[in-house]
Amino acid sequence: MIDKYEEAAIRKASELLYVPHSDFIRAKFAAEVASQREAE
């Protein structure tokens, strides 16, 4: 899980790059799933 400040920075960067919010959420979820698989 990422820190709230990391998430805020990533969210701001995604807004500056005009990444749609739905794509941001989808990528965030995929990253969480991938990090959980690596932890196993």
C-alpha atoms as a PDB file:
ATOM      1  CA  MET A   1       0.000   0.000   0.000  1.00  0.00           C
ATOM      2  CA  ILE A   2       1.282   3.461  -0.816  1.00  0.00           C
ATOM      3  CA  ASP A   3       1.526   6.431   1.488  1.00  0.00           C
ATOM      4  CA  LYS A   4      -1.167   9.112   1.228  1.00  0.00           C
ATOM      5  CA  TYR A   5       1.443  11.643   0.084  1.00  0.00           C
ATOM      6  CA  GLU A   6       2.682   9.306  -2.651  1.00  0.00           C
ATOM      7  CA  GLU A   7      -0.889   8.844  -3.842  1.00  0.00           C
ATOM      8  CA  ALA A   8      -1.447  12.608  -3.886  1.00  0.00           C
ATOM      9  CA  ALA A   9       1.694  13.119  -5.981  1.00  0.00           C
ATOM     10  CA  ILE A  10       0.693  10.355  -8.406  1.00  0.00           C
ATOM     11  CA  ARG A  11      -2.833  11.740  -8.647  1.00  0.00           C
ATOM     12  CA  LYS A  12      -1.502  15.243  -9.389  1.00  0.00           C
ATOM     13  CA  ALA A  13       0.862  13.904 -12.062  1.00  0.00           C
ATOM     14  CA  SER A  14      -1.976  11.955 -13.665  1.00  0.00           C
ATOM     15  CA  GLU A  15      -4.102  15.117 -13.771  1.00  0.00           C
ATOM     16  CA  LEU A  16      -1.254  17.085 -15.389  1.00  0.00           C
ATOM     17  CA  LEU A  17      -0.904  14.316 -17.990  1.00  0.00           C
ATOM     18  CA  TYR A  18      -4.664  14.349 -18.626  1.00  0.00           C
ATOM     19  CA  VAL A  19      -5.092  10.728 -17.564  1.00  0.00           C
ATOM     20  CA  PRO A  20      -8.816  10.023 -17.162  1.00  0.00           C
ATOM     21  CA  HIS A  21      -9.808   9.369 -13.556  1.00  0.00           C
ATOM     22  CA  SER A  22     -11.189   5.933 -14.443  1.00  0.00           C
ATOM     23  CA  ASP A  23      -7.794   4.944 -15.891  1.00  0.00           C
ATOM     24  CA  PHE A  24      -6.056   6.243 -12.765  1.00  0.00           C
ATOM     25  CA  ILE A  25      -8.293   4.127 -10.506  1.00  0.00           C
ATOM     26  CA  ARG A  26      -7.891   1.061 -12.745  1.00  0.00           C
ATOM     27  CA  ALA A  27      -4.090   1.390 -12.693  1.00  0.00           C
ATOM     28  CA  LYS A  28      -4.066   1.950  -8.936  1.00  0.00           C
ATOM     29  CA  PHE A  29      -6.105  -1.206  -8.385  1.00  0.00           C
ATOM     30  CA  ALA A  30      -3.873  -3.225 -10.731  1.00  0.00           C
ATOM     31  CA  ALA A  31      -0.764  -2.024  -8.888  1.00  0.00           C
ATOM     32  CA  GLU A  32      -2.256  -3.022  -5.526  1.00  0.00           C
ATOM     33  CA  VAL A  33      -3.098  -6.504  -6.822  1.00  0.00           C
ATOM     34  CA  ALA A  34       0.391  -6.908  -8.295  1.00  0.00           C
ATOM     35  CA  SER A  35       2.093  -5.826  -5.067  1.00  0.00           C
ATOM     36  CA  GLN A  36      -0.014  -8.276  -3.051  1.00  0.00           C
ATOM     37  CA  ARG A  37       0.997 -11.114  -5.391  1.00  0.00           C
ATOM     38  CA  GLU A  38       4.682 -10.224  -4.959  1.00  0.00           C
ATOM     39  CA  ALA A  39       4.299 -10.232  -1.167  1.00  0.00           C
ATOM     40  CA  GLU A  40       3.104 -13.836  -1.193  1.00  0.00           C
END
